[in-house]
Amino acid sequence: MKIFYESKPYLHFFVENFYSDNEFKEITDELNTLYKPIVGDRIVLDLKYVSNKFDLIINPFISLADTVAQALKPELLEKFNSSTYIPAAQMQFNPAGWDYGNIHTDIPSKIFTFTVYMSKFGKGTQIFEGPTWDDHVKTAKWVQNGGMGFIRTDDSWHNFGADKKNDRVTITFFYREAEEYKKTKSALI
């Protein structure tokens, strides 16, 4: 796994070769059994509750989060290792043409986010320096089994969606306040 850091417009990073080839195949095979795309509908599955391979899916993220925190913000390591925050993983299927359409920062209960691009083609995460479409800085390059992540701040503006021709299949990981997340998980299953 290679990590590339960028500081503008906010601290974020890109990863190549997130999973080993064997892990990627095993996870992709399982994801294909977990959902059947319905034209026009977005699907979000909380992998902790629907995957038999959750440890295989989440362990590289935990390692990545520890590595990034150690390099950029060591005080996060204490939060990662506490019972207050938990690592989570959601498979997201966004059909061609679907767009979140809301430039946003993650909610304060999410302290660290990373999205790995699972489908062969797609549109990467859009990065903004502010909350308007005019503030667009760049779109992360879509590289299968690569992705983009960041440490959440009040300025970590982003958006995501599928391009017009390809479905976008991702796994989005985050560290999130455990109690708050437990309250929302039923809406995601």
Protein backbone atom coordinates (compact mmCIF):
# COMPACT_ATOMS: atom_id res chain seq x y z
CA MET A 1 0.00 0.00 0.00
CA LYS A 2 1.37 3.39 -1.01
CA ILE A 3 0.16 6.60 0.67
CA PHE A 4 0.48 10.06 -0.89
CA TYR A 5 -0.26 13.11 1.31
CA GLU A 6 -1.49 16.52 0.17
CA SER A 7 -2.04 19.55 2.38
CA LYS A 8 -4.25 21.78 0.21
CA PRO A 9 -7.06 22.70 0.37
CA TYR A 10 -7.05 20.56 3.54
CA LEU A 11 -4.99 17.62 4.73
CA HIS A 12 -5.97 14.54 2.71
CA PHE A 13 -4.29 11.50 1.24
CA PHE A 14 -4.46 9.05 -1.64
CA VAL A 15 -3.74 5.35 -1.51
CA GLU A 16 -2.80 2.87 -4.22
CA ASN A 17 -3.04 -0.92 -3.89
CA PHE A 18 -5.08 -0.82 -0.70
CA TYR A 19 -5.80 -4.56 -0.65
CA SER A 20 -3.49 -7.32 -1.83
CA ASP A 21 -4.61 -8.94 -5.09
CA ASN A 22 -5.98 -11.98 -3.22
CA GLU A 23 -7.81 -9.85 -0.65
CA PHE A 24 -9.30 -7.65 -3.37
CA LYS A 25 -10.64 -10.65 -5.29
CA GLU A 26 -12.05 -12.31 -2.17
CA ILE A 27 -13.78 -9.09 -1.03
CA THR A 28 -15.09 -8.25 -4.51
CA ASP A 29 -16.53 -11.76 -4.86
CA GLU A 30 -18.35 -11.35 -1.57
CA LEU A 31 -19.64 -7.85 -2.38
CA ASN A 32 -21.14 -9.28 -5.57
CA THR A 33 -23.21 -11.68 -3.44
CA LEU A 34 -24.39 -9.00 -1.00
CA TYR A 35 -26.35 -6.78 -3.38
CA LYS A 36 -28.16 -6.84 -6.66
CA PRO A 37 -28.09 -3.41 -8.27
CA ILE A 38 -31.49 -1.89 -8.92
CA VAL A 39 -31.46 0.68 -11.70
CA GLY A 40 -31.54 4.18 -10.25
CA ASP A 41 -31.31 3.20 -6.58
CA ARG A 42 -28.40 3.89 -4.24
CA ILE A 43 -27.55 1.04 -1.87
CA VAL A 44 -25.56 1.40 1.36
CA LEU A 45 -24.74 -1.73 3.37
CA ASP A 46 -23.06 -1.71 6.77
CA LEU A 47 -20.52 -4.48 6.27
CA LYS A 48 -20.17 -5.28 9.97
CA TYR A 49 -23.70 -6.62 9.93
CA VAL A 50 -23.90 -8.24 6.47
CA SER A 51 -20.39 -9.48 5.62
CA ASN A 52 -18.78 -12.76 6.62
CA LYS A 53 -15.40 -11.19 5.80
CA PHE A 54 -15.60 -8.08 7.99
CA ASP A 55 -12.17 -8.62 9.59
CA LEU A 56 -10.55 -9.06 6.16
CA ILE A 57 -12.30 -5.88 4.98
CA ILE A 58 -11.60 -3.68 8.03
CA ASN A 59 -8.06 -4.68 9.12
CA PRO A 60 -6.20 -2.87 6.29
CA PHE A 61 -8.21 0.26 7.12
CA ILE A 62 -7.23 0.09 10.79
CA SER A 63 -3.59 -0.24 9.74
CA LEU A 64 -3.94 2.67 7.29
CA ALA A 65 -5.64 4.90 9.89
CA ASP A 66 -2.90 4.16 12.43
CA THR A 67 -0.17 4.92 9.87
CA VAL A 68 -1.77 8.21 8.75
CA ALA A 69 -2.52 9.32 12.32
CA GLN A 70 1.02 8.54 13.43
CA ALA A 71 2.40 10.64 10.55
CA LEU A 72 -0.04 13.55 10.71
CA LYS A 73 -1.97 13.70 13.98
CA PRO A 74 -0.70 11.28 16.66
CA GLU A 75 -3.34 12.37 19.18
CA LEU A 76 -5.92 10.47 17.08
CA LEU A 77 -4.28 7.16 18.01
CA GLU A 78 -5.66 7.45 21.54
CA LYS A 79 -9.18 7.92 20.13
CA PHE A 80 -8.75 5.01 17.70
CA ASN A 81 -7.75 2.75 20.60
CA SER A 82 -10.53 3.86 22.95
CA SER A 83 -14.00 2.37 23.25
CA THR A 84 -15.50 5.78 22.41
CA TYR A 85 -14.75 5.38 18.68
CA ILE A 86 -15.21 2.37 16.43
CA PRO A 87 -14.00 1.53 12.94
CA ALA A 88 -16.83 0.96 10.47
CA ALA A 89 -17.16 0.01 6.80
CA GLN A 90 -20.02 0.64 4.38
CA MET A 91 -20.31 -0.76 0.87
CA GLN A 92 -21.88 1.93 -1.31
CA PHE A 93 -23.39 1.27 -4.71
CA ASN A 94 -24.15 4.48 -6.58
CA PRO A 95 -25.77 3.90 -9.99
CA ALA A 96 -24.49 5.70 -13.08
CA GLY A 97 -25.57 9.35 -13.01
CA TRP A 98 -26.32 9.40 -9.26
CA ASP A 99 -24.73 12.27 -7.31
CA TYR A 100 -24.83 13.07 -3.60
CA GLY A 101 -25.20 16.68 -4.72
CA ASN A 102 -24.28 18.22 -1.39
CA ILE A 103 -20.82 19.62 -0.77
CA HIS A 104 -20.24 18.79 2.86
CA THR A 105 -17.84 18.04 5.67
CA ASP A 106 -18.50 14.83 7.55
CA ILE A 107 -20.48 15.04 10.75
CA PRO A 108 -18.33 15.74 13.84
CA SER A 109 -18.79 12.18 15.14
CA LYS A 110 -16.74 10.91 12.16
CA ILE A 111 -13.11 11.72 12.87
CA PHE A 112 -11.36 9.86 10.04
CA THR A 113 -12.70 8.77 6.62
CA PHE A 114 -11.28 6.72 3.74
CA THR A 115 -13.02 5.49 0.58
CA VAL A 116 -11.56 2.64 -1.48
CA TYR A 117 -12.71 2.41 -5.10
CA MET A 118 -13.88 -1.15 -5.83
CA SER A 119 -15.42 -0.97 -9.30
CA LYS A 120 -13.22 -0.86 -12.38
CA PHE A 121 -14.50 2.56 -13.43
CA GLY A 122 -16.00 5.48 -11.57
CA LYS A 123 -15.69 9.07 -10.47
CA GLY A 124 -13.37 9.86 -7.57
CA THR A 125 -14.16 11.98 -4.56
CA GLN A 126 -14.51 15.68 -5.39
CA ILE A 127 -12.42 18.00 -3.21
CA PHE A 128 -13.46 21.60 -2.45
CA GLU A 129 -11.90 24.53 -0.60
CA GLY A 130 -15.32 25.75 0.52
CA PRO A 131 -19.03 24.88 0.51
CA THR A 132 -19.95 25.97 -3.04
CA TRP A 133 -19.53 24.40 -6.48
CA ASP A 134 -17.23 27.31 -7.41
CA ASP A 135 -14.87 26.09 -4.68
CA HIS A 136 -14.07 22.84 -6.55
CA VAL A 137 -10.31 22.18 -6.50
CA LYS A 138 -10.04 18.71 -8.04
CA THR A 139 -11.55 15.27 -8.33
CA ALA A 140 -9.50 12.38 -7.01
CA LYS A 141 -8.32 10.06 -9.76
CA TRP A 142 -10.33 6.85 -9.85
CA VAL A 143 -7.96 3.93 -9.42
CA GLN A 144 -9.52 0.55 -8.69
CA ASN A 145 -8.30 -0.69 -5.29
CA GLY A 146 -7.06 2.83 -4.52
CA GLY A 147 -8.82 5.67 -2.80
CA MET A 148 -8.92 8.96 -0.97
CA GLY A 149 -9.19 9.82 2.71
CA PHE A 150 -8.92 12.63 5.22
CA ILE A 151 -8.98 13.59 8.87
CA ARG A 152 -12.29 15.34 9.43
CA THR A 153 -12.20 19.10 10.04
CA ASP A 154 -14.70 21.91 9.61
CA ASP A 155 -12.99 22.61 6.27
CA SER A 156 -12.79 19.08 4.77
CA TRP A 157 -15.32 19.88 2.02
CA HIS A 158 -16.10 17.08 -0.44
CA ASN A 159 -18.78 15.47 -2.57
CA PHE A 160 -19.15 12.12 -4.31
CA GLY A 161 -21.21 10.48 -6.99
CA ALA A 162 -21.11 8.25 -10.03
CA ASP A 163 -20.19 9.41 -13.49
CA LYS A 164 -22.82 9.30 -16.25
CA LYS A 165 -21.69 5.95 -17.70
CA ASN A 166 -20.50 3.80 -14.79
CA ASP A 167 -21.87 2.55 -11.51
CA ARG A 168 -19.69 3.58 -8.56
CA VAL A 169 -18.95 0.80 -6.05
CA THR A 170 -16.89 1.74 -3.01
CA ILE A 171 -16.20 0.78 0.56
CA THR A 172 -16.17 3.82 2.80
CA PHE A 173 -14.42 3.40 6.13
CA PHE A 174 -14.51 5.70 9.09
CA TYR A 175 -13.80 6.00 12.77
CA ARG A 176 -16.97 7.25 14.41
CA GLU A 177 -18.34 7.75 17.90
CA ALA A 178 -19.62 4.30 18.85
CA GLU A 179 -22.81 5.29 20.68
CA GLU A 180 -23.90 7.75 18.01
CA TYR A 181 -23.24 5.20 15.27
CA LYS A 182 -25.24 2.47 17.00
CA LYS A 183 -28.25 4.79 16.87
CA THR A 184 -27.96 5.19 13.10
CA LYS A 185 -26.95 1.68 12.00
CA SER A 186 -30.50 0.38 11.63
CA ALA A 187 -31.14 2.97 8.89
CA LEU A 188 -28.17 1.65 6.90
CA ILE A 189 -28.94 -2.08 6.88
